[in-house]
């Protein structure tokens, strides 16, 4: 086995661990952070597989746009909970 194959196996295991952490996370913001990290690891995986176009697309859409959308949505939900007299008072 070559070094690149060992890197891909290690990256795959790390991606599985981060995915499990995202699913099992109790706080939603932690799950969003784990999903962002998972997407960044996918970018590294695509780069290792010599697919730079897919890696760039995943970096822009998966890591950047989707993470920003999740964070802004969470901020909006938290503001609504405070103004409606939710548990965050």
C-alpha atoms as a PDB file:
ATOM      1  CA  UNK A   1       0.000   0.000   0.000  1.00  0.00           C
ATOM      2  CA  UNK A   2       1.192   3.477  -0.777  1.00  0.00           C
ATOM      3  CA  UNK A   3       1.286   6.475   1.517  1.00  0.00           C
ATOM      4  CA  UNK A   4      -1.655   8.032  -0.313  1.00  0.00           C
ATOM      5  CA  UNK A   5      -3.792   4.972   0.360  1.00  0.00           C
ATOM      6  CA  UNK A   6      -2.949   5.122   4.065  1.00  0.00           C
ATOM      7  CA  UNK A   7      -3.882   8.806   4.082  1.00  0.00           C
ATOM      8  CA  UNK A   8      -7.205   8.046   2.400  1.00  0.00           C
ATOM      9  CA  UNK A   9      -7.998   5.293   4.896  1.00  0.00           C
ATOM     10  CA  UNK A  10      -7.095   7.525   7.831  1.00  0.00           C
ATOM     11  CA  UNK A  11      -9.159  10.351   6.382  1.00  0.00           C
ATOM     12  CA  UNK A  12     -12.121   8.022   5.903  1.00  0.00           C
ATOM     13  CA  UNK A  13     -11.945   6.863   9.518  1.00  0.00           C
ATOM     14  CA  UNK A  14     -11.662  10.461  10.708  1.00  0.00           C
ATOM     15  CA  UNK A  15     -14.687  11.413   8.594  1.00  0.00           C
ATOM     16  CA  UNK A  16     -16.700   8.584  10.163  1.00  0.00           C
ATOM     17  CA  UNK A  17     -15.764   9.747  13.655  1.00  0.00           C
ATOM     18  CA  UNK A  18     -16.715  13.362  12.895  1.00  0.00           C
ATOM     19  CA  UNK A  19     -20.008  12.249  11.312  1.00  0.00           C
ATOM     20  CA  UNK A  20     -20.892  10.239  14.415  1.00  0.00           C
ATOM     21  CA  UNK A  21     -20.005  13.234  16.596  1.00  0.00           C
ATOM     22  CA  UNK A  22     -22.295  15.432  14.482  1.00  0.00           C
ATOM     23  CA  UNK A  23     -25.210  13.036  14.828  1.00  0.00           C
ATOM     24  CA  UNK A  24     -24.709  12.410  18.545  1.00  0.00           C
ATOM     25  CA  UNK A  25     -24.103  16.060  19.471  1.00  0.00           C
ATOM     26  CA  UNK A  26     -26.538  17.481  22.038  1.00  0.00           C
ATOM     27  CA  UNK A  27     -26.114  21.134  21.029  1.00  0.00           C
ATOM     28  CA  UNK A  28     -27.177  22.154  17.548  1.00  0.00           C
ATOM     29  CA  UNK A  29     -24.293  24.602  17.098  1.00  0.00           C
ATOM     30  CA  UNK A  30     -21.803  21.808  17.820  1.00  0.00           C
ATOM     31  CA  UNK A  31     -23.500  19.642  15.198  1.00  0.00           C
ATOM     32  CA  UNK A  32     -23.152  22.470  12.665  1.00  0.00           C
ATOM     33  CA  UNK A  33     -19.454  22.807  13.495  1.00  0.00           C
ATOM     34  CA  UNK A  34     -18.950  19.060  13.095  1.00  0.00           C
ATOM     35  CA  UNK A  35     -20.763  19.089   9.745  1.00  0.00           C
ATOM     36  CA  UNK A  36     -18.555  21.928   8.575  1.00  0.00           C
ATOM     37  CA  UNK A  37     -15.477  19.981   9.640  1.00  0.00           C
ATOM     38  CA  UNK A  38     -16.818  16.926   7.816  1.00  0.00           C
ATOM     39  CA  UNK A  39     -17.187  18.973   4.661  1.00  0.00           C
ATOM     40  CA  UNK A  40     -13.634  20.284   5.003  1.00  0.00           C
ATOM     41  CA  UNK A  41     -12.378  16.722   5.389  1.00  0.00           C
ATOM     42  CA  UNK A  42     -14.276  15.814   2.221  1.00  0.00           C
ATOM     43  CA  UNK A  43     -12.428  18.633   0.453  1.00  0.00           C
ATOM     44  CA  UNK A  44      -9.124  17.090   1.541  1.00  0.00           C
ATOM     45  CA  UNK A  45     -10.329  13.692   0.352  1.00  0.00           C
ATOM     46  CA  UNK A  46     -11.274  15.038  -3.058  1.00  0.00           C
ATOM     47  CA  UNK A  47      -7.892  16.748  -3.329  1.00  0.00           C
ATOM     48  CA  UNK A  48      -6.155  13.451  -2.475  1.00  0.00           C
ATOM     49  CA  UNK A  49      -8.153  11.753  -5.234  1.00  0.00           C
ATOM     50  CA  UNK A  50      -6.886  14.334  -7.758  1.00  0.00           C
ATOM     51  CA  UNK A  51     -10.309  15.953  -8.223  1.00  0.00           C
ATOM     52  CA  UNK A  52      -9.552  19.641  -7.652  1.00  0.00           C
ATOM     53  CA  UNK A  53     -12.719  20.873  -9.364  1.00  0.00           C
ATOM     54  CA  UNK A  54     -14.905  18.807  -7.042  1.00  0.00           C
ATOM     55  CA  UNK A  55     -12.798  19.883  -4.045  1.00  0.00           C
ATOM     56  CA  UNK A  56     -13.275  23.578  -4.886  1.00  0.00           C
ATOM     57  CA  UNK A  57     -17.012  23.109  -5.373  1.00  0.00           C
ATOM     58  CA  UNK A  58     -17.327  21.279  -2.058  1.00  0.00           C
ATOM     59  CA  UNK A  59     -15.275  23.951  -0.307  1.00  0.00           C
ATOM     60  CA  UNK A  60     -17.426  26.779  -1.609  1.00  0.00           C
ATOM     61  CA  UNK A  61     -20.845  25.183  -1.295  1.00  0.00           C
ATOM     62  CA  UNK A  62     -20.430  22.563   1.424  1.00  0.00           C
ATOM     63  CA  UNK A  63     -18.073  24.287   3.793  1.00  0.00           C
ATOM     64  CA  UNK A  64     -18.888  27.908   3.120  1.00  0.00           C
ATOM     65  CA  UNK A  65     -22.438  28.426   1.970  1.00  0.00           C
ATOM     66  CA  UNK A  66     -24.203  25.647   3.869  1.00  0.00           C
ATOM     67  CA  UNK A  67     -22.361  26.372   7.118  1.00  0.00           C
ATOM     68  CA  UNK A  68     -23.182  30.071   6.868  1.00  0.00           C
ATOM     69  CA  UNK A  69     -26.830  29.222   6.160  1.00  0.00           C
ATOM     70  CA  UNK A  70     -26.992  26.940   9.215  1.00  0.00           C
ATOM     71  CA  UNK A  71     -25.352  29.529  11.494  1.00  0.00           C
ATOM     72  CA  UNK A  72     -27.593  32.392  10.340  1.00  0.00           C
ATOM     73  CA  UNK A  73     -30.662  30.178  10.738  1.00  0.00           C
ATOM     74  CA  UNK A  74     -29.621  29.260  14.278  1.00  0.00           C
ATOM     75  CA  UNK A  75     -29.079  32.931  15.114  1.00  0.00           C
ATOM     76  CA  UNK A  76     -32.547  33.746  13.788  1.00  0.00           C
ATOM     77  CA  UNK A  77     -34.173  30.926  15.736  1.00  0.00           C
ATOM     78  CA  UNK A  78     -32.422  31.993  18.949  1.00  0.00           C
ATOM     79  CA  UNK A  79     -33.564  35.611  18.507  1.00  0.00           C
ATOM     80  CA  UNK A  80     -37.153  34.482  17.941  1.00  0.00           C
ATOM     81  CA  UNK A  81     -37.053  32.301  21.064  1.00  0.00           C
ATOM     82  CA  UNK A  82     -35.868  35.257  23.152  1.00  0.00           C
ATOM     83  CA  UNK A  83     -38.497  37.657  21.802  1.00  0.00           C
ATOM     84  CA  UNK A  84     -41.310  35.134  22.224  1.00  0.00           C
ATOM     85  CA  UNK A  85     -40.434  34.591  25.873  1.00  0.00           C
ATOM     86  CA  UNK A  86     -38.864  31.201  25.358  1.00  0.00           C
ATOM     87  CA  UNK A  87     -36.473  29.433  27.634  1.00  0.00           C
ATOM     88  CA  UNK A  88     -33.566  31.743  26.711  1.00  0.00           C
ATOM     89  CA  UNK A  89     -34.784  34.673  28.840  1.00  0.00           C
END
